[in-house]
Amino acid sequence: MASGVFSGAIPRSERCSLLEINITLLIQFINFIFLIVVLNFILFRPLRGVLQKRRAELSESHARVAVLGKDVQTKLSLYEAKLDGARKKGAEIKNGLRQEGLVEEQRMVEEAEMAAQQKKESIREQIIAETGAAKKQLKAQVDSLAREITEKVLGRAV
């Protein structure tokens, strides 16, 4: 075979082994294990502790949020109940005042009607009195007027 760069076969003596099993491999393996143990103590355990604390705080916060949510719902329902009670009370007061107003209006109308009736009666009595006085005055004058008319019609004194 021709030796050259492109000759496909490399002699065994010139071949490099990618993995040689010797003491350095064992040292590297021990280094790796040592690094894992050290990182576990220095980095991973504290990190897991922080993450566990965070999970505990989050679950505690969720529990507080749930309790506060229930408290808010309770207070909201109490507020709505009080608001409904106040609305009903306001409506009752409004209806009571309206009823009182209607009663007062009826009383005032009745008083006005009674005053008008009394005024009407007093005017009627005044008219009757004036009519009676006018009749008396006319009766007193009737005789003299009748005499004057008779004298004028007859043309002589009666």
N, C-alpha and C. Protein backbone atom coordinates (compact mmCIF):
# COMPACT_ATOMS: atom_id res chain seq x y z
N MET A 1 0.82 -1.16 0.00
CA MET A 1 0.00 0.00 0.00
C MET A 1 0.87 1.23 0.00
N ALA A 2 0.36 2.18 -0.60
CA ALA A 2 1.11 3.42 -0.67
C ALA A 2 0.84 4.22 0.57
N SER A 3 1.85 4.77 1.11
CA SER A 3 1.64 5.57 2.31
C SER A 3 1.44 7.00 1.87
N GLY A 4 0.52 7.59 2.44
CA GLY A 4 0.23 8.97 2.11
C GLY A 4 -0.87 9.50 3.02
N VAL A 5 -1.25 10.68 2.78
CA VAL A 5 -2.24 11.35 3.62
C VAL A 5 -3.60 10.72 3.39
N PHE A 6 -3.84 10.34 2.16
CA PHE A 6 -5.17 9.86 1.84
C PHE A 6 -5.26 8.35 1.81
N SER A 7 -4.30 7.71 2.31
CA SER A 7 -4.40 6.27 2.32
C SER A 7 -5.27 5.89 3.49
N GLY A 8 -6.24 5.21 3.39
CA GLY A 8 -7.25 4.96 4.39
C GLY A 8 -6.77 4.23 5.61
N ALA A 9 -5.69 3.53 5.58
CA ALA A 9 -5.29 2.74 6.72
C ALA A 9 -4.14 3.42 7.44
N ILE A 10 -4.31 3.54 8.76
CA ILE A 10 -3.26 4.13 9.61
C ILE A 10 -2.70 2.97 10.39
N PRO A 11 -1.39 2.90 10.44
CA PRO A 11 -0.80 1.77 11.19
C PRO A 11 -1.13 1.89 12.66
N ARG A 12 -1.22 0.79 13.31
CA ARG A 12 -1.63 0.68 14.71
C ARG A 12 -0.71 1.46 15.62
N SER A 13 0.49 1.55 15.35
CA SER A 13 1.44 2.25 16.19
C SER A 13 1.22 3.75 16.12
N GLU A 14 0.69 4.26 15.04
CA GLU A 14 0.48 5.69 14.90
C GLU A 14 -0.92 6.11 15.35
N ARG A 15 -1.78 5.19 15.54
CA ARG A 15 -3.16 5.53 15.95
C ARG A 15 -3.17 6.06 17.35
N CYS A 16 -3.97 7.11 17.60
CA CYS A 16 -4.12 7.67 18.96
C CYS A 16 -5.39 7.12 19.54
N SER A 17 -5.29 6.70 20.74
CA SER A 17 -6.48 6.21 21.41
C SER A 17 -7.14 7.40 22.11
N LEU A 18 -8.42 7.55 21.91
CA LEU A 18 -9.13 8.66 22.54
C LEU A 18 -9.28 8.42 24.03
N LEU A 19 -9.39 7.23 24.45
CA LEU A 19 -9.58 6.94 25.85
C LEU A 19 -8.54 5.92 26.27
N GLU A 20 -7.68 6.40 27.12
CA GLU A 20 -6.71 5.48 27.66
C GLU A 20 -7.06 5.26 29.12
N ILE A 21 -7.17 4.05 29.50
CA ILE A 21 -7.51 3.74 30.88
C ILE A 21 -6.18 3.69 31.63
N ASN A 22 -6.02 4.71 32.49
CA ASN A 22 -4.83 4.77 33.33
C ASN A 22 -5.18 5.53 34.59
N ILE A 23 -4.25 5.96 35.36
CA ILE A 23 -4.44 6.61 36.65
C ILE A 23 -5.10 7.97 36.51
N THR A 24 -4.88 8.68 35.41
CA THR A 24 -5.48 10.01 35.24
C THR A 24 -7.00 9.91 35.16
N LEU A 25 -7.49 8.86 34.56
CA LEU A 25 -8.94 8.68 34.51
C LEU A 25 -9.48 8.51 35.92
N LEU A 26 -8.83 7.77 36.75
CA LEU A 26 -9.25 7.58 38.13
C LEU A 26 -9.17 8.90 38.90
N ILE A 27 -8.15 9.68 38.68
CA ILE A 27 -8.00 10.97 39.35
C ILE A 27 -9.11 11.92 38.90
N GLN A 28 -9.41 11.92 37.62
CA GLN A 28 -10.48 12.78 37.11
C GLN A 28 -11.83 12.35 37.68
N PHE A 29 -12.04 11.07 37.80
CA PHE A 29 -13.30 10.57 38.38
C PHE A 29 -13.41 10.99 39.85
N ILE A 30 -12.30 10.90 40.60
CA ILE A 30 -12.30 11.32 42.01
C ILE A 30 -12.51 12.82 42.09
N ASN A 31 -11.89 13.59 41.20
CA ASN A 31 -12.12 15.04 41.15
C ASN A 31 -13.60 15.35 40.91
N PHE A 32 -14.19 14.63 39.97
CA PHE A 32 -15.61 14.85 39.65
C PHE A 32 -16.49 14.57 40.87
N ILE A 33 -16.25 13.46 41.54
CA ILE A 33 -17.04 13.11 42.74
C ILE A 33 -16.81 14.16 43.82
N PHE A 34 -15.55 14.57 44.03
CA PHE A 34 -15.24 15.59 45.03
C PHE A 34 -15.96 16.91 44.68
N LEU A 35 -15.93 17.29 43.42
CA LEU A 35 -16.61 18.52 42.98
C LEU A 35 -18.12 18.42 43.22
N ILE A 36 -18.71 17.30 42.96
CA ILE A 36 -20.15 17.11 43.20
C ILE A 36 -20.46 17.25 44.68
N VAL A 37 -19.64 16.62 45.54
CA VAL A 37 -19.87 16.69 46.99
C VAL A 37 -19.70 18.13 47.46
N VAL A 38 -18.66 18.82 47.03
CA VAL A 38 -18.42 20.20 47.45
C VAL A 38 -19.55 21.10 46.95
N LEU A 39 -19.93 20.97 45.68
CA LEU A 39 -21.03 21.78 45.14
C LEU A 39 -22.34 21.49 45.85
N ASN A 40 -22.52 20.23 46.23
CA ASN A 40 -23.74 19.88 46.98
C ASN A 40 -23.79 20.66 48.28
N PHE A 41 -22.67 20.70 49.01
CA PHE A 41 -22.66 21.43 50.28
C PHE A 41 -22.69 22.94 50.09
N ILE A 42 -21.96 23.44 49.15
CA ILE A 42 -21.83 24.89 48.98
C ILE A 42 -23.00 25.49 48.20
N LEU A 43 -23.46 24.83 47.16
CA LEU A 43 -24.42 25.44 46.26
C LEU A 43 -25.80 24.77 46.32
N PHE A 44 -25.86 23.49 46.13
CA PHE A 44 -27.16 22.84 45.95
C PHE A 44 -28.00 22.81 47.22
N ARG A 45 -27.40 22.45 48.37
CA ARG A 45 -28.20 22.41 49.61
C ARG A 45 -28.74 23.80 49.98
N PRO A 46 -27.91 24.86 49.99
CA PRO A 46 -28.47 26.18 50.29
C PRO A 46 -29.54 26.60 49.28
N LEU A 47 -29.30 26.28 48.01
CA LEU A 47 -30.27 26.62 46.98
C LEU A 47 -31.59 25.87 47.21
N ARG A 48 -31.49 24.59 47.53
CA ARG A 48 -32.71 23.83 47.84
C ARG A 48 -33.40 24.37 49.08
N GLY A 49 -32.60 24.81 50.09
CA GLY A 49 -33.18 25.41 51.29
C GLY A 49 -33.93 26.69 50.96
N VAL A 50 -33.32 27.54 50.12
CA VAL A 50 -33.98 28.79 49.71
C VAL A 50 -35.25 28.48 48.93
N LEU A 51 -35.18 27.53 48.04
CA LEU A 51 -36.37 27.16 47.26
C LEU A 51 -37.46 26.59 48.15
N GLN A 52 -37.06 25.79 49.15
CA GLN A 52 -38.05 25.23 50.07
C GLN A 52 -38.70 26.34 50.91
N LYS A 53 -37.89 27.31 51.38
CA LYS A 53 -38.44 28.45 52.11
C LYS A 53 -39.42 29.23 51.24
N ARG A 54 -39.02 29.43 49.99
CA ARG A 54 -39.89 30.17 49.07
C ARG A 54 -41.21 29.43 48.86
N ARG A 55 -41.14 28.10 48.69
CA ARG A 55 -42.37 27.32 48.55
C ARG A 55 -43.24 27.44 49.80
N ALA A 56 -42.60 27.38 50.98
CA ALA A 56 -43.36 27.50 52.23
C ALA A 56 -44.00 28.89 52.33
N GLU A 57 -43.24 29.93 51.99
CA GLU A 57 -43.79 31.29 52.03
C GLU A 57 -44.92 31.45 51.03
N LEU A 58 -44.76 30.88 49.85
CA LEU A 58 -45.82 30.96 48.84
C LEU A 58 -47.08 30.24 49.31
N SER A 59 -46.90 29.05 49.87
CA SER A 59 -48.09 28.33 50.34
C SER A 59 -48.74 29.08 51.50
N GLU A 60 -47.92 29.68 52.37
CA GLU A 60 -48.46 30.49 53.46
C GLU A 60 -49.19 31.72 52.90
N SER A 61 -48.58 32.34 51.89
CA SER A 61 -49.23 33.50 51.27
C SER A 61 -50.54 33.11 50.61
N HIS A 62 -50.56 31.97 49.95
CA HIS A 62 -51.80 31.49 49.33
C HIS A 62 -52.87 31.24 50.40
N ALA A 63 -52.45 30.67 51.52
CA ALA A 63 -53.41 30.43 52.60
C ALA A 63 -53.95 31.75 53.14
N ARG A 64 -53.05 32.74 53.32
CA ARG A 64 -53.50 34.05 53.80
C ARG A 64 -54.43 34.71 52.80
N VAL A 65 -54.10 34.58 51.52
CA VAL A 65 -54.96 35.16 50.48
C VAL A 65 -56.34 34.51 50.52
N ALA A 66 -56.37 33.19 50.71
CA ALA A 66 -57.66 32.50 50.79
C ALA A 66 -58.45 32.98 52.00
N VAL A 67 -57.77 33.12 53.15
CA VAL A 67 -58.46 33.60 54.36
C VAL A 67 -58.94 35.04 54.15
N LEU A 68 -58.08 35.88 53.59
CA LEU A 68 -58.48 37.26 53.35
C LEU A 68 -59.61 37.34 52.33
N GLY A 69 -59.57 36.46 51.33
CA GLY A 69 -60.66 36.42 50.34
C GLY A 69 -61.98 36.07 51.00
N LYS A 70 -61.95 35.08 51.89
CA LYS A 70 -63.18 34.72 52.62
C LYS A 70 -63.63 35.87 53.51
N ASP A 71 -62.66 36.53 54.16
CA ASP A 71 -62.99 37.67 55.02
C ASP A 71 -63.60 38.80 54.21
N VAL A 72 -63.03 39.05 53.06
CA VAL A 72 -63.56 40.10 52.19
C VAL A 72 -64.98 39.73 51.73
N GLN A 73 -65.18 38.47 51.37
CA GLN A 73 -66.52 38.03 50.95
C GLN A 73 -67.51 38.19 52.09
N THR A 74 -67.11 37.84 53.29
CA THR A 74 -67.99 37.98 54.44
C THR A 74 -68.34 39.44 54.67
N LYS A 75 -67.31 40.29 54.66
CA LYS A 75 -67.54 41.72 54.87
C LYS A 75 -68.38 42.31 53.75
N LEU A 76 -68.15 41.86 52.53
CA LEU A 76 -68.93 42.35 51.40
C LEU A 76 -70.40 41.95 51.53
N SER A 77 -70.65 40.72 51.94
CA SER A 77 -72.04 40.28 52.11
C SER A 77 -72.69 41.02 53.27
N LEU A 78 -71.94 41.29 54.35
CA LEU A 78 -72.48 42.09 55.45
C LEU A 78 -72.78 43.50 54.99
N TYR A 79 -71.88 44.08 54.21
CA TYR A 79 -72.08 45.43 53.68
C TYR A 79 -73.32 45.47 52.80
N GLU A 80 -73.46 44.47 51.92
CA GLU A 80 -74.63 44.44 51.04
C GLU A 80 -75.91 44.26 51.85
N ALA A 81 -75.85 43.44 52.90
CA ALA A 81 -77.03 43.26 53.74
C ALA A 81 -77.39 44.57 54.44
N LYS A 82 -76.38 45.27 54.97
CA LYS A 82 -76.64 46.56 55.62
C LYS A 82 -77.17 47.57 54.62
N LEU A 83 -76.61 47.56 53.42
CA LEU A 83 -77.06 48.47 52.38
C LEU A 83 -78.52 48.19 52.00
N ASP A 84 -78.87 46.91 51.88
CA ASP A 84 -80.26 46.55 51.59
C ASP A 84 -81.17 46.99 52.74
N GLY A 85 -80.72 46.79 53.97
CA GLY A 85 -81.51 47.22 55.13
C GLY A 85 -81.71 48.73 55.13
N ALA A 86 -80.63 49.45 54.81
CA ALA A 86 -80.74 50.92 54.77
C ALA A 86 -81.68 51.36 53.65
N ARG A 87 -81.61 50.68 52.50
CA ARG A 87 -82.53 51.01 51.41
C ARG A 87 -83.97 50.77 51.82
N LYS A 88 -84.22 49.62 52.46
CA LYS A 88 -85.58 49.32 52.90
C LYS A 88 -86.05 50.35 53.93
N LYS A 89 -85.16 50.68 54.87
CA LYS A 89 -85.52 51.67 55.89
C LYS A 89 -85.80 53.02 55.24
N GLY A 90 -84.96 53.40 54.27
CA GLY A 90 -85.17 54.65 53.55
C GLY A 90 -86.50 54.65 52.81
N ALA A 91 -86.82 53.51 52.19
CA ALA A 91 -88.10 53.41 51.48
C ALA A 91 -89.27 53.51 52.46
N GLU A 92 -89.11 52.87 53.63
CA GLU A 92 -90.17 52.96 54.64
C GLU A 92 -90.35 54.39 55.13
N ILE A 93 -89.23 55.07 55.38
CA ILE A 93 -89.31 56.47 55.83
C ILE A 93 -89.94 57.32 54.74
N LYS A 94 -89.53 57.08 53.51
CA LYS A 94 -90.08 57.84 52.38
C LYS A 94 -91.59 57.61 52.28
N ASN A 95 -92.00 56.36 52.38
CA ASN A 95 -93.44 56.06 52.31
C ASN A 95 -94.19 56.66 53.50
N GLY A 96 -93.57 56.62 54.68
CA GLY A 96 -94.19 57.23 55.86
C GLY A 96 -94.36 58.73 55.68
N LEU A 97 -93.30 59.38 55.18
CA LEU A 97 -93.38 60.83 54.95
C LEU A 97 -94.42 61.15 53.87
N ARG A 98 -94.46 60.30 52.85
CA ARG A 98 -95.46 60.51 51.79
C ARG A 98 -96.87 60.38 52.38
N GLN A 99 -97.04 59.37 53.23
CA GLN A 99 -98.36 59.17 53.85
C GLN A 99 -98.71 60.35 54.75
N GLU A 100 -97.72 60.82 55.52
CA GLU A 100 -97.96 61.98 56.38
C GLU A 100 -98.32 63.20 55.52
N GLY A 101 -97.62 63.34 54.40
CA GLY A 101 -97.90 64.45 53.49
C GLY A 101 -99.32 64.36 52.94
N LEU A 102 -99.74 63.15 52.59
CA LEU A 102 -101.10 62.97 52.07
C LEU A 102 -102.14 63.29 53.14
N VAL A 103 -101.87 62.86 54.38
CA VAL A 103 -102.79 63.15 55.48
C VAL A 103 -102.86 64.66 55.71
N GLU A 104 -101.69 65.31 55.71
CA GLU A 104 -101.64 66.76 55.91
C GLU A 104 -102.35 67.48 54.77
N GLU A 105 -102.15 67.00 53.55
CA GLU A 105 -102.82 67.59 52.40
C GLU A 105 -104.34 67.45 52.54
N GLN A 106 -104.79 66.27 52.94
CA GLN A 106 -106.23 66.04 53.12
C GLN A 106 -106.78 66.97 54.20
N ARG A 107 -106.03 67.12 55.30
CA ARG A 107 -106.47 67.99 56.38
C ARG A 107 -106.58 69.43 55.89
N MET A 108 -105.55 69.87 55.14
CA MET A 108 -105.56 71.25 54.64
C MET A 108 -106.71 71.48 53.65
N VAL A 109 -106.97 70.48 52.81
CA VAL A 109 -108.07 70.60 51.86
C VAL A 109 -109.40 70.68 52.61
N GLU A 110 -109.54 69.83 53.64
CA GLU A 110 -110.78 69.87 54.43
C GLU A 110 -110.94 71.21 55.13
N GLU A 111 -109.83 71.73 55.69
CA GLU A 111 -109.90 73.05 56.34
C GLU A 111 -110.28 74.13 55.33
N ALA A 112 -109.69 74.07 54.13
CA ALA A 112 -110.01 75.05 53.10
C ALA A 112 -111.48 74.93 52.68
N GLU A 113 -111.95 73.68 52.56
CA GLU A 113 -113.36 73.49 52.19
C GLU A 113 -114.28 74.01 53.28
N MET A 114 -113.90 73.75 54.54
CA MET A 114 -114.74 74.25 55.65
C MET A 114 -114.71 75.78 55.67
N ALA A 115 -113.54 76.38 55.45
CA ALA A 115 -113.45 77.84 55.43
C ALA A 115 -114.27 78.40 54.28
N ALA A 116 -114.21 77.74 53.13
CA ALA A 116 -114.99 78.20 51.98
C ALA A 116 -116.49 78.06 52.27
N GLN A 117 -116.86 76.95 52.92
CA GLN A 117 -118.27 76.74 53.27
C GLN A 117 -118.75 77.81 54.25
N GLN A 118 -117.91 78.11 55.25
CA GLN A 118 -118.28 79.13 56.22
C GLN A 118 -118.39 80.50 55.54
N LYS A 119 -117.43 80.79 54.65
CA LYS A 119 -117.46 82.06 53.93
C LYS A 119 -118.72 82.13 53.07
N LYS A 120 -119.05 81.01 52.44
CA LYS A 120 -120.26 80.95 51.61
C LYS A 120 -121.50 81.20 52.44
N GLU A 121 -121.56 80.57 53.63
CA GLU A 121 -122.71 80.75 54.52
C GLU A 121 -122.80 82.19 55.01
N SER A 122 -121.64 82.77 55.35
CA SER A 122 -121.68 84.15 55.83
C SER A 122 -122.11 85.09 54.71
N ILE A 123 -121.64 84.83 53.48
CA ILE A 123 -122.07 85.67 52.35
C ILE A 123 -123.55 85.47 52.09
N ARG A 124 -124.03 84.22 52.18
CA ARG A 124 -125.46 83.95 51.99
C ARG A 124 -126.29 84.69 53.04
N GLU A 125 -125.83 84.61 54.29
CA GLU A 125 -126.55 85.32 55.36
C GLU A 125 -126.52 86.83 55.13
N GLN A 126 -125.39 87.33 54.64
CA GLN A 126 -125.28 88.76 54.36
C GLN A 126 -126.24 89.14 53.23
N ILE A 127 -126.28 88.27 52.21
CA ILE A 127 -127.20 88.54 51.08
C ILE A 127 -128.64 88.52 51.56
N ILE A 128 -128.97 87.54 52.40
CA ILE A 128 -130.34 87.45 52.92
C ILE A 128 -130.66 88.69 53.75
N ALA A 129 -129.69 89.10 54.58
CA ALA A 129 -129.90 90.29 55.41
C ALA A 129 -130.06 91.52 54.53
N GLU A 130 -129.19 91.67 53.53
CA GLU A 130 -129.29 92.83 52.64
C GLU A 130 -130.58 92.79 51.83
N THR A 131 -130.96 91.58 51.43
CA THR A 131 -132.22 91.44 50.69
C THR A 131 -133.39 91.83 51.57
N GLY A 132 -133.39 91.38 52.82
CA GLY A 132 -134.46 91.73 53.77
C GLY A 132 -134.50 93.23 54.01
N ALA A 133 -133.33 93.84 54.16
CA ALA A 133 -133.27 95.29 54.39
C ALA A 133 -133.78 96.03 53.15
N ALA A 134 -133.37 95.52 51.96
CA ALA A 134 -133.83 96.16 50.73
C ALA A 134 -135.34 96.02 50.59
N LYS A 135 -135.87 94.84 50.96
CA LYS A 135 -137.32 94.63 50.89
C LYS A 135 -138.04 95.57 51.84
N LYS A 136 -137.53 95.73 53.06
CA LYS A 136 -138.15 96.63 54.03
C LYS A 136 -138.14 98.06 53.50
N GLN A 137 -136.98 98.42 52.93
CA GLN A 137 -136.86 99.78 52.42
C GLN A 137 -137.81 99.97 51.23
N LEU A 138 -137.87 98.93 50.37
CA LEU A 138 -138.78 99.03 49.23
C LEU A 138 -140.24 99.03 49.67
N LYS A 139 -140.57 98.26 50.75
CA LYS A 139 -141.94 98.23 51.25
C LYS A 139 -142.33 99.61 51.78
N ALA A 140 -141.37 100.24 52.40
CA ALA A 140 -141.64 101.58 52.92
C ALA A 140 -141.83 102.55 51.77
N GLN A 141 -141.16 102.34 50.72
CA GLN A 141 -141.26 103.25 49.58
C GLN A 141 -142.37 102.83 48.61
N VAL A 142 -142.85 101.61 48.72
CA VAL A 142 -143.87 101.11 47.81
C VAL A 142 -145.12 101.99 47.88
N ASP A 143 -145.56 102.31 49.04
CA ASP A 143 -146.78 103.11 49.17
C ASP A 143 -146.57 104.48 48.52
N SER A 144 -145.49 105.10 48.79
CA SER A 144 -145.28 106.43 48.21
C SER A 144 -145.07 106.33 46.70
N LEU A 145 -144.35 105.29 46.24
CA LEU A 145 -144.14 105.12 44.81
C LEU A 145 -145.47 104.78 44.12
N ALA A 146 -146.28 103.96 44.74
CA ALA A 146 -147.56 103.59 44.16
C ALA A 146 -148.44 104.82 44.04
N ARG A 147 -148.43 105.67 45.05
CA ARG A 147 -149.21 106.89 45.00
C ARG A 147 -148.72 107.78 43.87
N GLU A 148 -147.42 107.94 43.74
CA GLU A 148 -146.87 108.81 42.69
C GLU A 148 -147.22 108.27 41.32
N ILE A 149 -147.10 106.94 41.14
CA ILE A 149 -147.42 106.34 39.84
C ILE A 149 -148.90 106.50 39.56
N THR A 150 -149.73 106.29 40.57
CA THR A 150 -151.19 106.42 40.37
C THR A 150 -151.52 107.86 40.02
N GLU A 151 -150.90 108.78 40.67
CA GLU A 151 -151.17 110.20 40.39
C GLU A 151 -150.74 110.53 38.98
N LYS A 152 -149.63 110.01 38.52
CA LYS A 152 -149.15 110.30 37.20
C LYS A 152 -150.05 109.65 36.16
N VAL A 153 -150.51 108.43 36.42
CA VAL A 153 -151.36 107.73 35.49
C VAL A 153 -152.73 108.42 35.44
N LEU A 154 -153.25 108.73 36.58
CA LEU A 154 -154.59 109.34 36.64
C LEU A 154 -154.52 110.85 36.32
N GLY A 155 -153.41 111.39 36.58
CA GLY A 155 -153.24 112.80 36.36
C GLY A 155 -153.86 113.63 37.48
N ARG A 156 -154.15 113.12 38.56
CA ARG A 156 -154.71 113.84 39.70
C ARG A 156 -154.18 113.30 40.98
N ALA A 157 -154.39 113.94 42.07
CA ALA A 157 -153.87 113.55 43.37
C ALA A 157 -154.76 112.52 44.00
N VAL A 158 -154.21 111.57 44.59
CA VAL A 158 -155.00 110.51 45.18
C VAL A 158 -154.99 110.61 46.66
